[in-house]
Amino acid sequence: GFIHYILNRCLFNSSDLKDIENIYSYYYNKEEFLRFSSSSGKFVGYTEIGVKTAELANNDPDQMSRRRAEKETFCKPNIDGDYSTILTK
């Protein structure tokens, strides 16, 4: 069979928003073909289909605003929880 999955990661050195990077990766058969990184603020394709998909996604204002907001709406609250319950003990 074929496997398609999406991995949303938050990399951080502190709970400060400037120290957080959100990476949203798309995989097909264990190969990453598309990635959004909050550091670059855009999608990048790693395969032929990924490059085409990145071009479409980068030109979609709704998609771009959702991905750019995830650093603050998804990562920040989860990282704050990690700091308050685990890392400060």
Protein backbone atom coordinates (compact mmCIF):
# COMPACT_ATOMS: atom_id res chain seq x y z
CA GLY A 1 0.00 0.00 0.00
CA PHE A 2 0.85 3.66 -0.17
CA ILE A 3 1.27 5.89 2.85
CA HIS A 4 0.53 9.61 2.96
CA TYR A 5 0.93 11.59 6.15
CA ILE A 6 1.50 15.09 7.45
CA LEU A 7 3.83 15.97 10.32
CA ASN A 8 3.47 19.29 12.14
CA ARG A 9 6.47 20.06 14.38
CA CYS A 10 7.37 22.90 16.70
CA LEU A 11 11.09 23.39 17.29
CA PHE A 12 12.03 25.67 20.16
CA ASN A 13 14.81 26.87 22.45
CA SER A 14 12.53 28.86 24.76
CA SER A 15 8.87 29.80 25.02
CA ASP A 16 9.59 33.16 23.36
CA LEU A 17 7.80 33.34 19.99
CA LYS A 18 10.98 34.44 18.18
CA ASP A 19 12.69 31.19 19.32
CA ILE A 20 9.98 28.95 17.84
CA GLU A 21 9.92 27.43 14.37
CA ASN A 22 6.88 25.62 13.00
CA ILE A 23 7.55 23.02 10.31
CA TYR A 24 4.65 21.44 8.45
CA SER A 25 5.83 18.50 6.29
CA TYR A 26 3.96 16.34 3.80
CA TYR A 27 5.17 12.78 3.12
CA TYR A 28 4.30 10.13 0.57
CA ASN A 29 5.81 6.65 0.88
CA LYS A 30 8.26 7.88 3.53
CA GLU A 31 9.59 10.65 1.26
CA GLU A 32 9.04 14.29 2.18
CA PHE A 33 7.70 16.05 -0.89
CA LEU A 34 6.49 19.38 0.51
CA ARG A 35 7.33 21.56 3.53
CA PHE A 36 6.17 24.82 5.07
CA SER A 37 8.57 26.46 7.49
CA SER A 38 7.67 29.50 9.57
CA SER A 39 11.29 30.66 9.21
CA SER A 40 10.97 31.09 5.45
CA GLY A 41 7.21 31.78 5.54
CA LYS A 42 6.55 29.73 2.41
CA PHE A 43 6.17 26.22 1.02
CA VAL A 44 9.09 24.43 -0.61
CA GLY A 45 8.74 21.36 -2.81
CA TYR A 46 11.32 18.54 -2.87
CA THR A 47 9.90 16.47 -5.74
CA GLU A 48 8.28 17.35 -9.05
CA ILE A 49 4.78 17.16 -7.59
CA GLY A 50 5.99 18.95 -4.44
CA VAL A 51 7.30 21.90 -6.45
CA LYS A 52 3.97 22.22 -8.28
CA THR A 53 2.01 21.93 -5.03
CA ALA A 54 4.27 24.50 -3.33
CA GLU A 55 3.63 26.98 -6.14
CA LEU A 56 -0.14 26.55 -5.79
CA ALA A 57 -0.04 26.77 -1.98
CA ASN A 58 2.21 29.85 -1.96
CA ASN A 59 -0.32 31.62 -4.18
CA ASP A 60 -3.28 30.72 -1.96
CA PRO A 61 -3.79 33.56 0.60
CA ASP A 62 -6.03 31.44 2.88
CA GLN A 63 -3.53 28.58 3.03
CA MET A 64 -0.63 30.95 3.68
CA SER A 65 -2.39 32.86 6.47
CA ARG A 66 -3.33 29.57 8.21
CA ARG A 67 0.20 28.19 8.05
CA ARG A 68 1.80 31.46 9.14
CA ALA A 69 -0.58 31.71 12.12
CA GLU A 70 0.18 28.18 13.39
CA LYS A 71 3.39 29.28 15.07
CA GLU A 72 1.34 31.43 17.42
CA THR A 73 -1.92 29.44 17.56
CA PHE A 74 -0.55 25.87 17.64
CA CYS A 75 3.08 25.96 18.79
CA LYS A 76 3.07 28.73 21.39
CA PRO A 77 0.24 27.32 23.60
CA ASN A 78 1.74 23.80 23.52
CA ILE A 79 5.24 25.01 24.28
CA ASP A 80 3.97 27.18 27.14
CA GLY A 81 2.34 24.06 28.58
CA ASP A 82 5.57 22.08 28.22
CA TYR A 83 7.54 24.76 30.01
CA SER A 84 5.10 25.14 32.87
CA THR A 85 4.57 21.42 33.54
CA ILE A 86 7.80 19.69 32.57
CA LEU A 87 10.83 21.82 31.88
CA THR A 88 10.68 24.07 34.94
CA LYS A 89 10.68 21.17 37.41
